[in-house]
Protein backbone atom coordinates (compact mmCIF):
# COMPACT_ATOMS: atom_id res chain seq x y z
CA UNK A 1 98.07 87.80 75.11
CA UNK A 2 101.44 86.21 74.68
CA UNK A 3 103.03 83.44 76.66
CA UNK A 4 106.17 84.12 78.64
CA UNK A 5 108.45 81.79 80.56
CA UNK A 6 109.42 82.94 84.03
CA UNK A 7 113.21 82.47 84.13
CA UNK A 8 113.42 81.49 87.80
CA UNK A 9 110.83 78.70 87.58
CA UNK A 10 110.39 77.87 83.91
CA UNK A 11 106.64 78.39 84.45
CA UNK A 12 104.50 79.62 81.56
CA UNK A 13 102.96 83.00 82.32
CA UNK A 14 100.42 84.85 80.24
CA UNK A 15 101.05 88.57 80.04
CA UNK A 16 99.69 91.37 77.90
CA UNK A 17 101.79 92.71 75.05
CA UNK A 18 103.83 95.67 76.23
CA UNK A 19 105.77 98.46 74.61
CA UNK A 20 107.82 99.03 77.76
CA UNK A 21 110.48 96.54 78.80
CA UNK A 22 109.41 94.25 81.64
CA UNK A 23 111.54 95.28 84.63
CA UNK A 24 110.76 92.16 86.65
CA UNK A 25 108.37 89.23 86.78
CA UNK A 26 105.98 88.54 89.63
CA UNK A 27 107.56 86.38 92.31
CA UNK A 28 105.72 83.64 94.15
CA UNK A 29 105.26 84.42 97.83
CA UNK A 30 104.74 81.74 100.48
CA UNK A 31 101.91 83.10 102.63
CA UNK A 32 100.29 79.95 104.02
CA UNK A 33 98.57 76.69 103.27
CA UNK A 34 95.84 76.84 100.61
CA UNK A 35 96.98 80.24 99.40
CA UNK A 36 98.51 81.24 96.08
CA UNK A 37 100.25 84.61 96.11
CA UNK A 38 102.56 86.59 93.85
CA UNK A 39 104.28 89.93 94.41
CA UNK A 40 105.65 92.58 92.08
CA UNK A 41 107.09 96.04 92.64
CA UNK A 42 105.09 98.70 90.77
CA UNK A 43 106.23 102.28 90.02
CA UNK A 44 103.29 104.00 91.73
CA UNK A 45 102.18 105.08 95.19
CA UNK A 46 100.27 102.58 97.32
CA UNK A 47 97.30 104.96 97.67
CA UNK A 48 96.99 105.27 93.89
CA UNK A 49 97.11 101.50 93.37
CA UNK A 50 94.67 100.86 96.22
CA UNK A 51 92.22 103.38 94.70
CA UNK A 52 92.32 101.48 91.40
CA UNK A 53 91.64 98.08 92.99
CA UNK A 54 89.10 99.43 95.50
CA UNK A 55 86.95 100.43 92.50
CA UNK A 56 85.39 97.23 91.12
CA UNK A 57 84.31 99.15 88.01
CA UNK A 58 88.01 99.20 87.06
CA UNK A 59 88.99 95.59 87.86
CA UNK A 60 88.75 94.60 84.18
CA UNK A 61 91.60 97.05 83.48
CA UNK A 62 94.13 94.87 85.31
CA UNK A 63 92.51 91.42 85.16
CA UNK A 64 94.99 88.95 83.73
CA UNK A 65 92.65 85.95 83.70
CA UNK A 66 90.51 87.33 80.88
CA UNK A 67 87.32 86.54 82.82
CA UNK A 68 86.40 89.94 84.34
CA UNK A 69 84.14 92.14 82.21
CA UNK A 70 83.58 95.91 82.55
CA UNK A 71 79.95 95.57 83.69
CA UNK A 72 79.75 95.94 87.48
CA UNK A 73 76.95 96.71 89.91
CA UNK A 74 78.00 98.31 93.18
CA UNK A 75 79.95 101.19 94.70
CA UNK A 76 83.00 102.81 93.12
CA UNK A 77 84.96 102.70 96.40
CA UNK A 78 84.74 99.46 98.36
CA UNK A 79 84.49 99.27 102.15
CA UNK A 80 84.12 96.28 104.48
CA UNK A 81 80.64 94.79 104.15
CA UNK A 82 79.95 96.25 100.70
CA UNK A 83 78.47 93.91 98.13
CA UNK A 84 79.10 94.15 94.42
CA UNK A 85 78.37 92.07 91.35
CA UNK A 86 80.84 91.54 88.53
CA UNK A 87 79.91 90.27 85.08
CA UNK A 88 82.33 87.56 84.02
CA UNK A 89 82.89 85.08 81.22
CA UNK A 90 84.78 81.79 81.37
CA UNK A 91 84.86 79.01 78.77
CA UNK A 92 82.58 81.28 76.66
CA UNK A 93 79.91 81.15 79.38
CA UNK A 94 78.79 84.53 80.76
CA UNK A 95 77.77 84.77 84.43
CA UNK A 96 77.47 87.31 87.24
CA UNK A 97 79.52 86.90 90.41
CA UNK A 98 78.18 88.40 93.68
CA UNK A 99 81.06 89.36 95.97
CA UNK A 100 81.35 90.76 99.51
CA UNK A 101 84.18 92.98 100.77
CA UNK A 102 85.88 91.39 103.80
CA UNK A 103 88.87 93.72 104.18
CA UNK A 104 89.59 97.32 103.27
CA UNK A 105 92.41 99.53 104.55
CA UNK A 106 93.09 102.50 102.25
CA UNK A 107 96.58 102.31 100.79
CA UNK A 108 97.20 98.87 102.34
CA UNK A 109 94.60 96.18 101.60
CA UNK A 110 91.45 95.32 99.67
CA UNK A 111 89.85 91.84 99.92
CA UNK A 112 86.56 90.26 98.89
CA UNK A 113 84.90 86.89 99.40
CA UNK A 114 83.57 84.69 96.62
CA UNK A 115 80.25 82.86 97.25
CA UNK A 116 82.26 79.60 97.26
CA UNK A 117 84.13 80.79 100.36
CA UNK A 118 87.55 81.62 98.96
CA UNK A 119 88.90 85.17 98.98
CA UNK A 120 90.86 87.44 96.69
CA UNK A 121 93.23 89.85 98.41
CA UNK A 122 95.42 92.71 97.18
CA UNK A 123 98.05 94.08 99.58
CA UNK A 124 100.13 97.22 99.04
CA UNK A 125 103.41 98.09 100.80
CA UNK A 126 104.71 101.56 99.97
CA UNK A 127 108.50 101.48 99.66
CA UNK A 128 108.89 105.24 100.21
CA UNK A 129 110.69 105.72 96.88
CA UNK A 130 107.71 106.04 94.55
CA UNK A 131 107.29 102.27 94.25
CA UNK A 132 104.95 99.83 95.95
CA UNK A 133 105.23 96.10 96.53
CA UNK A 134 101.88 94.67 95.41
CA UNK A 135 100.81 91.17 96.44
CA UNK A 136 97.73 89.44 95.06
CA UNK A 137 96.48 86.31 96.83
CA UNK A 138 93.95 83.61 95.99
CA UNK A 139 93.10 82.34 99.50
CA UNK A 140 91.09 79.16 99.74
CA UNK A 141 92.03 78.44 103.37
CA UNK A 142 88.46 79.56 104.21
CA UNK A 143 86.82 76.56 102.50
CA UNK A 144 86.25 73.07 103.88
CA UNK A 145 88.45 70.05 103.19
CA UNK A 146 86.23 68.58 100.44
CA UNK A 147 85.94 71.87 98.59
CA UNK A 148 89.70 72.46 98.89
CA UNK A 149 90.32 69.00 97.43
CA UNK A 150 87.95 69.82 94.54
CA UNK A 151 89.87 73.06 93.90
CA UNK A 152 93.10 71.08 93.83
CA UNK A 153 91.70 68.40 91.49
CA UNK A 154 90.51 71.17 89.15
CA UNK A 155 94.00 72.72 89.39
CA UNK A 156 92.60 76.10 90.37
CA UNK A 157 95.85 76.99 92.12
CA UNK A 158 97.81 76.71 88.88
CA UNK A 159 95.14 78.48 86.83
CA UNK A 160 94.87 81.29 89.38
CA UNK A 161 98.66 81.57 89.64
CA UNK A 162 98.76 82.35 85.91
CA UNK A 163 95.95 84.90 86.25
CA UNK A 164 97.57 86.57 89.27
CA UNK A 165 100.94 86.80 87.55
CA UNK A 166 99.32 88.31 84.46
CA UNK A 167 97.26 90.77 86.54
CA UNK A 168 100.35 92.02 88.37
CA UNK A 169 102.18 92.34 85.06
CA UNK A 170 99.29 94.36 83.60
CA UNK A 171 99.22 96.58 86.69
CA UNK A 172 102.96 97.24 86.44
CA UNK A 173 102.71 97.96 82.69
CA UNK A 174 100.19 100.73 83.42
CA UNK A 175 102.84 102.47 85.53
CA UNK A 176 106.02 101.65 83.58
């Protein structure tokens, strides 16, 4: 992966190498306290993008953090209440993450909860012109004050902002 500087903020962003020219960079979206969200317009229908992200066996295809591995246990189409397990690796340490789906609206939203209480959410807004505005959110508003403070001391917002930006860039590159 190469480093890129987002022109509007000067922030370093990690993105995959691409043959196609990057049309735009993910933009930060203010969605609420203890939430980190970025949005990017992707040249694909919302239903198609939702189907990709509602299949946890394909999450590694767009993961920009480099932590999600292709080994997954669980359904290929997520619905509210479904549980799935994703094999991951961070700091060279492999582990398995059990996750629970907390939101699922075909073509609009897919969300799952981490055992620590925070949630990952993908939202899709079809623009009616063959493009979709895609927003990915790391939402830690669900955790208590002490845990939120620990997240902040560990700078998880900044780390996850980089991963989200890279994931959106990878998703857009698939449909360039």
